[in-house]
């Protein structure tokens, strides 16, 4: 397969972020996916999210498995660290990399086949262990590389391009992630950049296991009438539970005003924010209520998107194991090699 690199020169008037990078600095190679593939929209959202949060490209490590979705890391952040694993094994490789170097920001990109079928066990353990990562599944409900068979996330009763009806119940990865202990869970649609970009920005900044299920229609095999993962179906059945944005860590903006009143606040970028205090109908910090709401809406054929659940006091795998603050490759041989007395103490603990 031939890969086409994008030109390295930039127009001098391109907008830069606060650390001097343009949006082009977060791009990768030219995509070889089908024209109109939802995965390319997700790649564009990742590029935009990293640009907006002023992320230095070399601080991100992107990992993937096998499938159309797992090809996409080649199409964004070409200057970051990257590793393409075998089918379904991305989570364990990401876990090992994270334990060895906690200074990097980890982005796992997977697909519904890669995570919900062969990699389901790996997905489950990475989530339950609280690995500090943003885990994105590009979910189209089919095996695009092998000509459109149903994947494990295909909804029961949905039809294939050839008219075959799926008789198996689909796996809801968002509900599963919440049950396994993910501390940030979201779902979005590849065609809704306004919602997807702030979700990715928040996931990259979240401490702990952050999971986003992105419905990403396959234009070749799953974008027809009868599919529940098509562009038309998702647009018609999308129920967004919140409007999203994320602010960088600057001086806090404080507002005190009564319920039912309106106030305007000048934000850090100079824009004005109009706030009207109302009661929130949806609480994304209530795991049980969020899971119940998902099931209720699923029962009537609705696809719930937005920030579904977040634990504002989340911990990660490093907290659980009390690991050292420095990356392992920054430690000396003396620090990495315990003395005989330490080994004896460890061995005694297993007797």
C-alpha atoms as a PDB file:
ATOM      1  CA  UNK A   1       0.000   0.000   0.000  1.00  0.00           C
ATOM      2  CA  UNK A   2       1.320   3.437  -0.915  1.00  0.00           C
ATOM      3  CA  UNK A   3       1.141   6.186   1.695  1.00  0.00           C
ATOM      4  CA  UNK A   4       1.094   9.804   0.603  1.00  0.00           C
ATOM      5  CA  UNK A   5       2.770  12.318   2.879  1.00  0.00           C
ATOM      6  CA  UNK A   6       1.369  15.830   3.080  1.00  0.00           C
ATOM      7  CA  UNK A   7       3.587  18.784   2.119  1.00  0.00           C
ATOM      8  CA  UNK A   8       5.661  20.008   5.046  1.00  0.00           C
ATOM      9  CA  UNK A   9       5.442  23.717   4.234  1.00  0.00           C
ATOM     10  CA  UNK A  10       2.785  25.844   5.970  1.00  0.00           C
ATOM     11  CA  UNK A  11       1.173  29.056   4.891  1.00  0.00           C
ATOM     12  CA  UNK A  12       2.680  31.849   7.018  1.00  0.00           C
ATOM     13  CA  UNK A  13      -0.727  33.186   8.039  1.00  0.00           C
ATOM     14  CA  UNK A  14      -1.990  29.926   9.556  1.00  0.00           C
ATOM     15  CA  UNK A  15      -3.403  30.377  13.055  1.00  0.00           C
ATOM     16  CA  UNK A  16      -1.203  29.110  15.881  1.00  0.00           C
ATOM     17  CA  UNK A  17      -2.159  27.975  19.366  1.00  0.00           C
ATOM     18  CA  UNK A  18      -0.591  29.232  22.593  1.00  0.00           C
ATOM     19  CA  UNK A  19       2.514  27.037  22.176  1.00  0.00           C
ATOM     20  CA  UNK A  20       3.141  28.055  18.574  1.00  0.00           C
ATOM     21  CA  UNK A  21       1.776  25.064  16.656  1.00  0.00           C
ATOM     22  CA  UNK A  22      -0.614  25.291  13.708  1.00  0.00           C
ATOM     23  CA  UNK A  23      -3.381  22.804  13.054  1.00  0.00           C
ATOM     24  CA  UNK A  24      -1.219  21.327  10.294  1.00  0.00           C
ATOM     25  CA  UNK A  25       1.359  20.330  12.916  1.00  0.00           C
ATOM     26  CA  UNK A  26      -1.176  17.851  14.328  1.00  0.00           C
ATOM     27  CA  UNK A  27      -1.985  16.171  11.032  1.00  0.00           C
ATOM     28  CA  UNK A  28      -0.560  12.904   9.677  1.00  0.00           C
ATOM     29  CA  UNK A  29      -0.453  11.227   6.286  1.00  0.00           C
ATOM     30  CA  UNK A  30      -3.168  11.370   3.640  1.00  0.00           C
ATOM     31  CA  UNK A  31      -5.991   8.951   4.476  1.00  0.00           C
ATOM     32  CA  UNK A  32      -6.467   5.825   2.371  1.00  0.00           C
ATOM     33  CA  UNK A  33      -9.944   5.117   3.771  1.00  0.00           C
ATOM     34  CA  UNK A  34     -13.084   5.299   1.636  1.00  0.00           C
ATOM     35  CA  UNK A  35     -14.189   8.812   0.740  1.00  0.00           C
ATOM     36  CA  UNK A  36     -16.777   9.918   3.288  1.00  0.00           C
ATOM     37  CA  UNK A  37     -15.710   7.413   5.967  1.00  0.00           C
ATOM     38  CA  UNK A  38     -16.741   8.565   9.427  1.00  0.00           C
ATOM     39  CA  UNK A  39     -13.321   7.572  10.752  1.00  0.00           C
ATOM     40  CA  UNK A  40     -11.706  10.466   8.884  1.00  0.00           C
ATOM     41  CA  UNK A  41     -14.059  12.856  10.674  1.00  0.00           C
ATOM     42  CA  UNK A  42     -12.897  11.399  13.999  1.00  0.00           C
ATOM     43  CA  UNK A  43      -9.267  11.913  12.971  1.00  0.00           C
ATOM     44  CA  UNK A  44     -10.079  15.545  12.154  1.00  0.00           C
ATOM     45  CA  UNK A  45     -11.745  15.930  15.566  1.00  0.00           C
ATOM     46  CA  UNK A  46      -8.649  14.535  17.307  1.00  0.00           C
ATOM     47  CA  UNK A  47      -6.453  16.967  15.381  1.00  0.00           C
ATOM     48  CA  UNK A  48      -8.697  19.874  16.365  1.00  0.00           C
ATOM     49  CA  UNK A  49      -8.875  18.765  20.016  1.00  0.00           C
ATOM     50  CA  UNK A  50      -5.085  18.472  20.379  1.00  0.00           C
ATOM     51  CA  UNK A  51      -4.598  21.850  18.697  1.00  0.00           C
ATOM     52  CA  UNK A  52      -7.086  23.544  21.013  1.00  0.00           C
ATOM     53  CA  UNK A  53      -5.681  22.125  24.266  1.00  0.00           C
ATOM     54  CA  UNK A  54      -2.143  23.194  23.267  1.00  0.00           C
ATOM     55  CA  UNK A  55      -0.803  19.651  23.378  1.00  0.00           C
ATOM     56  CA  UNK A  56       2.798  19.244  22.284  1.00  0.00           C
ATOM     57  CA  UNK A  57       2.658  16.442  19.671  1.00  0.00           C
ATOM     58  CA  UNK A  58       5.666  14.589  21.104  1.00  0.00           C
ATOM     59  CA  UNK A  59       3.877  14.243  24.460  1.00  0.00           C
ATOM     60  CA  UNK A  60       1.175  11.974  23.036  1.00  0.00           C
ATOM     61  CA  UNK A  61       1.449   8.223  22.484  1.00  0.00           C
ATOM     62  CA  UNK A  62      -1.161   6.765  20.127  1.00  0.00           C
ATOM     63  CA  UNK A  63      -1.787   3.015  20.018  1.00  0.00           C
ATOM     64  CA  UNK A  64      -4.120   0.868  17.935  1.00  0.00           C
ATOM     65  CA  UNK A  65      -4.933  -2.703  16.967  1.00  0.00           C
ATOM     66  CA  UNK A  66      -6.214  -4.044  13.637  1.00  0.00           C
ATOM     67  CA  UNK A  67      -9.034  -2.803  11.402  1.00  0.00           C
ATOM     68  CA  UNK A  68     -10.060   0.297   9.486  1.00  0.00           C
ATOM     69  CA  UNK A  69     -10.194   2.244  12.745  1.00  0.00           C
ATOM     70  CA  UNK A  70      -6.728   1.093  13.758  1.00  0.00           C
ATOM     71  CA  UNK A  71      -5.276   2.517  10.540  1.00  0.00           C
ATOM     72  CA  UNK A  72      -6.395   6.021  11.464  1.00  0.00           C
ATOM     73  CA  UNK A  73      -3.554   6.943  13.895  1.00  0.00           C
ATOM     74  CA  UNK A  74      -1.395   7.238  10.781  1.00  0.00           C
ATOM     75  CA  UNK A  75      -3.639  10.109   9.684  1.00  0.00           C
ATOM     76  CA  UNK A  76      -3.202  12.368  12.737  1.00  0.00           C
ATOM     77  CA  UNK A  77      -0.340  13.602  14.943  1.00  0.00           C
ATOM     78  CA  UNK A  78       2.455  12.418  12.689  1.00  0.00           C
ATOM     79  CA  UNK A  79       5.052  13.806  15.121  1.00  0.00           C
ATOM     80  CA  UNK A  80       3.808  11.826  18.142  1.00  0.00           C
ATOM     81  CA  UNK A  81       4.794   8.401  19.456  1.00  0.00           C
ATOM     82  CA  UNK A  82       2.878   5.517  17.887  1.00  0.00           C
ATOM     83  CA  UNK A  83       2.510   1.739  18.052  1.00  0.00           C
ATOM     84  CA  UNK A  84       0.232  -0.526  16.014  1.00  0.00           C
ATOM     85  CA  UNK A  85      -0.380  -3.797  17.873  1.00  0.00           C
ATOM     86  CA  UNK A  86      -1.954  -7.080  16.757  1.00  0.00           C
ATOM     87  CA  UNK A  87      -5.723  -7.601  16.683  1.00  0.00           C
ATOM     88  CA  UNK A  88      -7.382  -6.806  20.017  1.00  0.00           C
ATOM     89  CA  UNK A  89      -4.138  -6.401  21.968  1.00  0.00           C
ATOM     90  CA  UNK A  90      -3.859  -2.624  22.064  1.00  0.00           C
ATOM     91  CA  UNK A  91      -5.077  -2.217  25.697  1.00  0.00           C
ATOM     92  CA  UNK A  92      -2.368  -4.419  27.248  1.00  0.00           C
ATOM     93  CA  UNK A  93       0.411  -2.765  25.233  1.00  0.00           C
ATOM     94  CA  UNK A  94      -0.938   0.661  26.228  1.00  0.00           C
ATOM     95  CA  UNK A  95      -1.052  -0.441  29.875  1.00  0.00           C
ATOM     96  CA  UNK A  96       2.602  -1.511  29.780  1.00  0.00           C
ATOM     97  CA  UNK A  97       3.686   1.708  28.087  1.00  0.00           C
ATOM     98  CA  UNK A  98       1.727   3.771  30.604  1.00  0.00           C
ATOM     99  CA  UNK A  99       3.342   2.017  33.572  1.00  0.00           C
ATOM    100  CA  UNK A 100       6.800   2.514  32.074  1.00  0.00           C
ATOM    101  CA  UNK A 101       6.349   6.208  31.238  1.00  0.00           C
ATOM    102  CA  UNK A 102       3.610   8.095  33.032  1.00  0.00           C
ATOM    103  CA  UNK A 103       4.764  11.430  31.552  1.00  0.00           C
ATOM    104  CA  UNK A 104       3.119  10.755  28.182  1.00  0.00           C
ATOM    105  CA  UNK A 105      -0.560  11.228  27.335  1.00  0.00           C
ATOM    106  CA  UNK A 106      -2.027   7.966  26.041  1.00  0.00           C
ATOM    107  CA  UNK A 107      -4.623   7.697  23.292  1.00  0.00           C
ATOM    108  CA  UNK A 108      -5.929   4.268  22.373  1.00  0.00           C
ATOM    109  CA  UNK A 109      -7.821   4.062  19.068  1.00  0.00           C
ATOM    110  CA  UNK A 110      -9.808   0.931  18.347  1.00  0.00           C
ATOM    111  CA  UNK A 111     -12.849  -0.386  16.522  1.00  0.00           C
ATOM    112  CA  UNK A 112     -15.948  -2.358  17.399  1.00  0.00           C
ATOM    113  CA  UNK A 113     -14.368  -5.567  16.129  1.00  0.00           C
ATOM    114  CA  UNK A 114     -11.002  -4.854  17.719  1.00  0.00           C
ATOM    115  CA  UNK A 115     -12.499  -4.031  21.158  1.00  0.00           C
ATOM    116  CA  UNK A 116     -15.898  -5.774  21.308  1.00  0.00           C
ATOM    117  CA  UNK A 117     -14.909  -9.118  19.770  1.00  0.00           C
ATOM    118  CA  UNK A 118     -11.350 -10.447  19.860  1.00  0.00           C
ATOM    119  CA  UNK A 119     -10.206  -7.700  22.231  1.00  0.00           C
ATOM    120  CA  UNK A 120     -13.170  -7.670  24.622  1.00  0.00           C
ATOM    121  CA  UNK A 121     -11.190  -9.189  27.486  1.00  0.00           C
ATOM    122  CA  UNK A 122      -8.327  -6.753  26.977  1.00  0.00           C
ATOM    123  CA  UNK A 123     -10.775  -3.828  26.851  1.00  0.00           C
ATOM    124  CA  UNK A 124     -12.427  -4.976  30.086  1.00  0.00           C
ATOM    125  CA  UNK A 125      -9.230  -5.278  32.098  1.00  0.00           C
ATOM    126  CA  UNK A 126      -7.714  -2.003  30.924  1.00  0.00           C
ATOM    127  CA  UNK A 127     -10.918  -0.198  31.922  1.00  0.00           C
ATOM    128  CA  UNK A 128     -11.333  -1.890  35.307  1.00  0.00           C
ATOM    129  CA  UNK A 129      -7.695  -1.228  36.218  1.00  0.00           C
ATOM    130  CA  UNK A 130      -8.150   2.496  35.664  1.00  0.00           C
ATOM    131  CA  UNK A 131      -5.335   2.948  33.159  1.00  0.00           C
ATOM    132  CA  UNK A 132      -4.795   6.664  32.615  1.00  0.00           C
ATOM    133  CA  UNK A 133      -5.798   6.930  28.947  1.00  0.00           C
ATOM    134  CA  UNK A 134      -8.309   8.203  26.444  1.00  0.00           C
ATOM    135  CA  UNK A 135      -9.813   5.138  24.745  1.00  0.00           C
ATOM    136  CA  UNK A 136     -11.771   5.848  21.548  1.00  0.00           C
ATOM    137  CA  UNK A 137     -13.766   3.177  19.718  1.00  0.00           C
ATOM    138  CA  UNK A 138     -14.687   4.069  16.135  1.00  0.00           C
ATOM    139  CA  UNK A 139     -17.914   2.078  16.029  1.00  0.00           C
ATOM    140  CA  UNK A 140     -19.533   1.226  12.684  1.00  0.00           C
ATOM    141  CA  UNK A 141     -21.120  -2.141  13.514  1.00  0.00           C
ATOM    142  CA  UNK A 142     -19.379  -4.066  10.725  1.00  0.00           C
ATOM    143  CA  UNK A 143     -16.057  -5.620   9.754  1.00  0.00           C
ATOM    144  CA  UNK A 144     -15.135  -3.184   7.005  1.00  0.00           C
ATOM    145  CA  UNK A 145     -11.829  -4.836   6.050  1.00  0.00           C
ATOM    146  CA  UNK A 146     -13.491  -8.226   5.505  1.00  0.00           C
ATOM    147  CA  UNK A 147     -16.477  -6.999   3.489  1.00  0.00           C
ATOM    148  CA  UNK A 148     -19.137  -6.013   5.975  1.00  0.00           C
ATOM    149  CA  UNK A 149     -20.061  -8.879   8.296  1.00  0.00           C
ATOM    150  CA  UNK A 150     -21.910  -7.857  11.489  1.00  0.00           C
ATOM    151  CA  UNK A 151     -19.663  -6.967  14.411  1.00  0.00           C
ATOM    152  CA  UNK A 152     -20.469  -7.519  18.076  1.00  0.00           C
ATOM    153  CA  UNK A 153     -21.912  -3.999  18.405  1.00  0.00           C
ATOM    154  CA  UNK A 154     -24.460  -4.411  15.596  1.00  0.00           C
ATOM    155  CA  UNK A 155     -27.977  -3.966  16.956  1.00  0.00           C
ATOM    156  CA  UNK A 156     -30.318  -6.935  16.993  1.00  0.00           C
ATOM    157  CA  UNK A 157     -32.756  -6.654  14.079  1.00  0.00           C
ATOM    158  CA  UNK A 158     -30.536  -4.388  11.978  1.00  0.00           C
ATOM    159  CA  UNK A 159     -29.952  -5.343   8.356  1.00  0.00           C
ATOM    160  CA  UNK A 160     -26.764  -5.808   6.407  1.00  0.00           C
ATOM    161  CA  UNK A 161     -26.213  -4.300   2.970  1.00  0.00           C
ATOM    162  CA  UNK A 162     -27.326  -7.609   1.452  1.00  0.00           C
ATOM    163  CA  UNK A 163     -30.521  -7.664   3.549  1.00  0.00           C
ATOM    164  CA  UNK A 164     -29.440 -10.212   6.164  1.00  0.00           C
ATOM    165  CA  UNK A 165     -31.020  -9.543   9.586  1.00  0.00           C
ATOM    166  CA  UNK A 166     -28.773  -9.641  12.661  1.00  0.00           C
ATOM    167  CA  UNK A 167     -30.184 -12.091  15.220  1.00  0.00           C
ATOM    168  CA  UNK A 168     -27.612 -11.441  17.972  1.00  0.00           C
ATOM    169  CA  UNK A 169     -27.872  -8.851  20.729  1.00  0.00           C
ATOM    170  CA  UNK A 170     -25.400  -6.003  20.346  1.00  0.00           C
ATOM    171  CA  UNK A 171     -22.799  -5.106  22.968  1.00  0.00           C
ATOM    172  CA  UNK A 172     -23.219  -1.597  24.385  1.00  0.00           C
ATOM    173  CA  UNK A 173     -19.639  -0.552  25.093  1.00  0.00           C
ATOM    174  CA  UNK A 174     -20.640   2.596  26.997  1.00  0.00           C
ATOM    175  CA  UNK A 175     -22.800   0.647  29.445  1.00  0.00           C
ATOM    176  CA  UNK A 176     -20.076  -1.973  29.777  1.00  0.00           C
ATOM    177  CA  UNK A 177     -17.428   0.682  30.416  1.00  0.00           C
ATOM    178  CA  UNK A 178     -19.503   2.191  33.230  1.00  0.00           C
ATOM    179  CA  UNK A 179     -20.095  -1.217  34.782  1.00  0.00           C
ATOM    180  CA  UNK A 180     -16.361  -1.982  34.634  1.00  0.00           C
ATOM    181  CA  UNK A 181     -15.481   1.229  36.480  1.00  0.00           C
ATOM    182  CA  UNK A 182     -14.511   3.754  33.805  1.00  0.00           C
ATOM    183  CA  UNK A 183     -14.416   7.205  35.373  1.00  0.00           C
ATOM    184  CA  UNK A 184     -15.242   9.079  32.161  1.00  0.00           C
ATOM    185  CA  UNK A 185     -17.726   7.717  29.632  1.00  0.00           C
ATOM    186  CA  UNK A 186     -19.047   9.473  26.545  1.00  0.00           C
ATOM    187  CA  UNK A 187     -20.673   8.683  23.249  1.00  0.00           C
ATOM    188  CA  UNK A 188     -20.733  10.797  20.133  1.00  0.00           C
ATOM    189  CA  UNK A 189     -21.264  10.732  16.384  1.00  0.00           C
ATOM    190  CA  UNK A 190     -18.522  11.232  13.826  1.00  0.00           C
ATOM    191  CA  UNK A 191     -20.756  13.725  12.034  1.00  0.00           C
ATOM    192  CA  UNK A 192     -21.145  15.934  15.128  1.00  0.00           C
ATOM    193  CA  UNK A 193     -17.806  17.715  15.470  1.00  0.00           C
ATOM    194  CA  UNK A 194     -19.282  20.339  17.784  1.00  0.00           C
ATOM    195  CA  UNK A 195     -19.962  17.634  20.368  1.00  0.00           C
ATOM    196  CA  UNK A 196     -17.048  15.292  19.627  1.00  0.00           C
ATOM    197  CA  UNK A 197     -14.158  17.769  19.877  1.00  0.00           C
ATOM    198  CA  UNK A 198     -14.853  18.908  23.479  1.00  0.00           C
ATOM    199  CA  UNK A 199     -15.439  15.275  24.493  1.00  0.00           C
ATOM    200  CA  UNK A 200     -11.996  14.310  23.193  1.00  0.00           C
ATOM    201  CA  UNK A 201     -10.410  17.365  24.821  1.00  0.00           C
ATOM    202  CA  UNK A 202     -11.927  16.433  28.180  1.00  0.00           C
ATOM    203  CA  UNK A 203     -10.956  12.755  27.815  1.00  0.00           C
ATOM    204  CA  UNK A 204      -7.328  13.650  27.101  1.00  0.00           C
ATOM    205  CA  UNK A 205      -7.254  15.831  30.226  1.00  0.00           C
ATOM    206  CA  UNK A 206      -9.067  13.312  32.456  1.00  0.00           C
ATOM    207  CA  UNK A 207      -7.111  11.336  35.037  1.00  0.00           C
ATOM    208  CA  UNK A 208      -8.096   7.671  34.840  1.00  0.00           C
ATOM    209  CA  UNK A 209      -9.825   5.495  32.262  1.00  0.00           C
ATOM    210  CA  UNK A 210     -11.717   7.743  29.828  1.00  0.00           C
ATOM    211  CA  UNK A 211     -13.812   5.976  27.195  1.00  0.00           C
ATOM    212  CA  UNK A 212     -15.621   7.426  24.171  1.00  0.00           C
ATOM    213  CA  UNK A 213     -17.787   5.337  21.847  1.00  0.00           C
ATOM    214  CA  UNK A 214     -18.040   7.179  18.512  1.00  0.00           C
ATOM    215  CA  UNK A 215     -20.695   6.023  16.059  1.00  0.00           C
ATOM    216  CA  UNK A 216     -18.890   6.149  12.722  1.00  0.00           C
ATOM    217  CA  UNK A 217     -20.924   4.972   9.697  1.00  0.00           C
ATOM    218  CA  UNK A 218     -19.180   2.716   7.173  1.00  0.00           C
ATOM    219  CA  UNK A 219     -20.027   4.241   3.778  1.00  0.00           C
ATOM    220  CA  UNK A 220     -19.133   0.988   1.987  1.00  0.00           C
ATOM    221  CA  UNK A 221     -21.066  -1.591   4.020  1.00  0.00           C
ATOM    222  CA  UNK A 222     -23.271  -0.019   6.697  1.00  0.00           C
ATOM    223  CA  UNK A 223     -24.841   3.207   5.484  1.00  0.00           C
ATOM    224  CA  UNK A 224     -28.069   1.865   3.993  1.00  0.00           C
ATOM    225  CA  UNK A 225     -31.736   1.710   4.961  1.00  0.00           C
ATOM    226  CA  UNK A 226     -32.159  -0.877   7.701  1.00  0.00           C
ATOM    227  CA  UNK A 227     -28.812  -0.130   9.321  1.00  0.00           C
ATOM    228  CA  UNK A 228     -28.820   1.407  12.807  1.00  0.00           C
ATOM    229  CA  UNK A 229     -25.282   2.757  12.322  1.00  0.00           C
ATOM    230  CA  UNK A 230     -25.942   4.799   9.164  1.00  0.00           C
ATOM    231  CA  UNK A 231     -25.624   8.584   8.893  1.00  0.00           C
ATOM    232  CA  UNK A 232     -29.391   9.025   8.484  1.00  0.00           C
ATOM    233  CA  UNK A 233     -30.322   6.695  11.360  1.00  0.00           C
ATOM    234  CA  UNK A 234     -27.959   8.302  13.862  1.00  0.00           C
ATOM    235  CA  UNK A 235     -29.043  11.836  12.904  1.00  0.00           C
ATOM    236  CA  UNK A 236     -32.716  10.887  13.305  1.00  0.00           C
ATOM    237  CA  UNK A 237     -32.284   9.039  16.626  1.00  0.00           C
ATOM    238  CA  UNK A 238     -29.595  11.125  18.330  1.00  0.00           C
ATOM    239  CA  UNK A 239     -30.520  12.419  21.792  1.00  0.00           C
ATOM    240  CA  UNK A 240     -27.766  14.643  23.194  1.00  0.00           C
ATOM    241  CA  UNK A 241     -27.899  14.861  26.999  1.00  0.00           C
ATOM    242  CA  UNK A 242     -25.699  17.941  27.350  1.00  0.00           C
ATOM    243  CA  UNK A 243     -23.951  20.753  25.499  1.00  0.00           C
ATOM    244  CA  UNK A 244     -20.213  20.454  25.958  1.00  0.00           C
ATOM    245  CA  UNK A 245     -17.169  22.665  26.237  1.00  0.00           C
ATOM    246  CA  UNK A 246     -13.855  22.496  28.079  1.00  0.00           C
ATOM    247  CA  UNK A 247     -11.772  25.316  29.512  1.00  0.00           C
ATOM    248  CA  UNK A 248      -8.007  25.222  30.004  1.00  0.00           C
ATOM    249  CA  UNK A 249      -6.429  25.486  33.429  1.00  0.00           C
ATOM    250  CA  UNK A 250      -6.342  29.251  33.823  1.00  0.00           C
ATOM    251  CA  UNK A 251      -7.488  31.528  36.638  1.00  0.00           C
ATOM    252  CA  UNK A 252     -10.992  30.426  37.659  1.00  0.00           C
ATOM    253  CA  UNK A 253     -13.993  32.476  36.609  1.00  0.00           C
ATOM    254  CA  UNK A 254     -16.346  32.966  39.547  1.00  0.00           C
ATOM    255  CA  UNK A 255     -20.028  33.846  39.288  1.00  0.00           C
ATOM    256  CA  UNK A 256     -22.591  34.175  42.048  1.00  0.00           C
ATOM    257  CA  UNK A 257     -26.177  34.829  41.005  1.00  0.00           C
ATOM    258  CA  UNK A 258     -29.653  33.690  41.909  1.00  0.00           C
ATOM    259  CA  UNK A 259     -31.609  30.867  40.210  1.00  0.00           C
ATOM    260  CA  UNK A 260     -33.632  32.125  37.248  1.00  0.00           C
ATOM    261  CA  UNK A 261     -31.407  35.162  36.648  1.00  0.00           C
ATOM    262  CA  UNK A 262     -29.063  35.957  33.750  1.00  0.00           C
ATOM    263  CA  UNK A 263     -25.415  36.992  34.040  1.00  0.00           C
ATOM    264  CA  UNK A 264     -22.692  37.732  31.455  1.00  0.00           C
ATOM    265  CA  UNK A 265     -19.053  36.755  32.053  1.00  0.00           C
ATOM    266  CA  UNK A 266     -16.031  37.681  29.960  1.00  0.00           C
ATOM    267  CA  UNK A 267     -14.003  34.539  29.205  1.00  0.00           C
ATOM    268  CA  UNK A 268     -10.221  34.197  28.890  1.00  0.00           C
ATOM    269  CA  UNK A 269     -10.374  34.492  25.090  1.00  0.00           C
ATOM    270  CA  UNK A 270     -12.313  37.773  25.341  1.00  0.00           C
ATOM    271  CA  UNK A 271     -15.694  36.354  24.344  1.00  0.00           C
ATOM    272  CA  UNK A 272     -18.780  36.933  26.475  1.00  0.00           C
ATOM    273  CA  UNK A 273     -20.593  34.038  28.136  1.00  0.00           C
ATOM    274  CA  UNK A 274     -24.270  34.460  29.023  1.00  0.00           C
ATOM    275  CA  UNK A 275     -25.395  32.231  31.879  1.00  0.00           C
ATOM    276  CA  UNK A 276     -28.920  31.549  33.061  1.00  0.00           C
ATOM    277  CA  UNK A 277     -29.149  29.447  36.188  1.00  0.00           C
ATOM    278  CA  UNK A 278     -31.552  26.521  35.820  1.00  0.00           C
ATOM    279  CA  UNK A 279     -31.889  23.104  37.464  1.00  0.00           C
ATOM    280  CA  UNK A 280     -29.839  20.419  35.696  1.00  0.00           C
ATOM    281  CA  UNK A 281     -31.982  17.520  34.455  1.00  0.00           C
ATOM    282  CA  UNK A 282     -29.056  15.210  33.802  1.00  0.00           C
ATOM    283  CA  UNK A 283     -26.356  14.408  36.354  1.00  0.00           C
ATOM    284  CA  UNK A 284     -23.282  12.893  34.642  1.00  0.00           C
ATOM    285  CA  UNK A 285     -21.717  12.063  38.032  1.00  0.00           C
ATOM    286  CA  UNK A 286     -24.410   9.502  38.952  1.00  0.00           C
ATOM    287  CA  UNK A 287     -23.250   6.175  37.487  1.00  0.00           C
ATOM    288  CA  UNK A 288     -26.417   4.217  38.326  1.00  0.00           C
ATOM    289  CA  UNK A 289     -28.749   6.914  36.979  1.00  0.00           C
ATOM    290  CA  UNK A 290     -26.653   7.213  33.822  1.00  0.00           C
ATOM    291  CA  UNK A 291     -26.816   3.463  33.159  1.00  0.00           C
ATOM    292  CA  UNK A 292     -30.559   3.451  33.809  1.00  0.00           C
ATOM    293  CA  UNK A 293     -31.076   6.379  31.441  1.00  0.00           C
ATOM    294  CA  UNK A 294     -29.082   4.623  28.704  1.00  0.00           C
ATOM    295  CA  UNK A 295     -31.257   1.521  28.974  1.00  0.00           C
ATOM    296  CA  UNK A 296     -34.475   3.554  29.013  1.00  0.00           C
ATOM    297  CA  UNK A 297     -33.607   5.447  25.844  1.00  0.00           C
ATOM    298  CA  UNK A 298     -32.231   2.348  24.137  1.00  0.00           C
ATOM    299  CA  UNK A 299     -35.571   0.620  24.738  1.00  0.00           C
ATOM    300  CA  UNK A 300     -37.336   3.252  22.623  1.00  0.00           C
ATOM    301  CA  UNK A 301     -34.703   3.258  19.885  1.00  0.00           C
ATOM    302  CA  UNK A 302     -32.824   6.416  20.895  1.00  0.00           C
ATOM    303  CA  UNK A 303     -29.028   6.817  20.790  1.00  0.00           C
ATOM    304  CA  UNK A 304     -27.849   8.860  23.760  1.00  0.00           C
ATOM    305  CA  UNK A 305     -24.768  11.015  23.093  1.00  0.00           C
ATOM    306  CA  UNK A 306     -22.744  13.457  25.138  1.00  0.00           C
ATOM    307  CA  UNK A 307     -20.859  13.131  28.409  1.00  0.00           C
ATOM    308  CA  UNK A 308     -22.658  10.147  29.915  1.00  0.00           C
ATOM    309  CA  UNK A 309     -20.636   9.683  33.113  1.00  0.00           C
ATOM    310  CA  UNK A 310     -17.620  11.222  34.825  1.00  0.00           C
ATOM    311  CA  UNK A 311     -16.048  10.715  38.250  1.00  0.00           C
ATOM    312  CA  UNK A 312     -14.562  14.100  39.248  1.00  0.00           C
ATOM    313  CA  UNK A 313     -12.348  12.429  41.885  1.00  0.00           C
ATOM    314  CA  UNK A 314     -11.016   9.586  39.761  1.00  0.00           C
ATOM    315  CA  UNK A 315      -7.733   7.798  40.432  1.00  0.00           C
ATOM    316  CA  UNK A 316      -5.653   5.769  38.000  1.00  0.00           C
ATOM    317  CA  UNK A 317      -3.472   2.644  37.899  1.00  0.00           C
ATOM    318  CA  UNK A 318      -0.431   4.523  39.214  1.00  0.00           C
ATOM    319  CA  UNK A 319      -2.365   5.569  42.331  1.00  0.00           C
ATOM    320  CA  UNK A 320      -3.492   1.970  42.918  1.00  0.00           C
ATOM    321  CA  UNK A 321       0.069   0.600  42.732  1.00  0.00           C
ATOM    322  CA  UNK A 322       1.862   3.582  44.257  1.00  0.00           C
ATOM    323  CA  UNK A 323       4.351   3.777  41.396  1.00  0.00           C
ATOM    324  CA  UNK A 324       7.259   6.198  41.272  1.00  0.00           C
ATOM    325  CA  UNK A 325       6.690   9.643  39.834  1.00  0.00           C
ATOM    326  CA  UNK A 326       9.497   9.408  37.254  1.00  0.00           C
ATOM    327  CA  UNK A 327       9.322   7.287  34.063  1.00  0.00           C
ATOM    328  CA  UNK A 328      11.205   3.982  34.349  1.00  0.00           C
ATOM    329  CA  UNK A 329      13.637   4.988  31.600  1.00  0.00           C
ATOM    330  CA  UNK A 330      14.706   7.963  33.741  1.00  0.00           C
ATOM    331  CA  UNK A 331      15.702   5.787  36.724  1.00  0.00           C
ATOM    332  CA  UNK A 332      19.255   4.629  37.390  1.00  0.00           C
ATOM    333  CA  UNK A 333      20.341   0.978  37.446  1.00  0.00           C
ATOM    334  CA  UNK A 334      20.594   1.186  41.209  1.00  0.00           C
ATOM    335  CA  UNK A 335      16.996   2.377  41.494  1.00  0.00           C
ATOM    336  CA  UNK A 336      15.735  -0.244  39.056  1.00  0.00           C
ATOM    337  CA  UNK A 337      17.611  -3.157  40.679  1.00  0.00           C
ATOM    338  CA  UNK A 338      16.356  -3.968  44.196  1.00  0.00           C
ATOM    339  CA  UNK A 339      18.874  -5.393  46.704  1.00  0.00           C
ATOM    340  CA  UNK A 340      18.721  -9.006  47.840  1.00  0.00           C
ATOM    341  CA  UNK A 341      16.953  -7.983  51.061  1.00  0.00           C
ATOM    342  CA  UNK A 342      14.114  -6.381  49.099  1.00  0.00           C
ATOM    343  CA  UNK A 343      13.701  -9.470  46.920  1.00  0.00           C
ATOM    344  CA  UNK A 344      13.663 -11.663  50.011  1.00  0.00           C
ATOM    345  CA  UNK A 345      10.884  -9.536  51.509  1.00  0.00           C
ATOM    346  CA  UNK A 346       8.832  -9.805  48.316  1.00  0.00           C
ATOM    347  CA  UNK A 347       9.290 -13.586  48.143  1.00  0.00           C
ATOM    348  CA  UNK A 348       8.336 -13.939  51.811  1.00  0.00           C
ATOM    349  CA  UNK A 349       5.065 -12.175  51.139  1.00  0.00           C
ATOM    350  CA  UNK A 350       4.034 -14.983  48.779  1.00  0.00           C
ATOM    351  CA  UNK A 351       4.697 -17.817  51.240  1.00  0.00           C
END
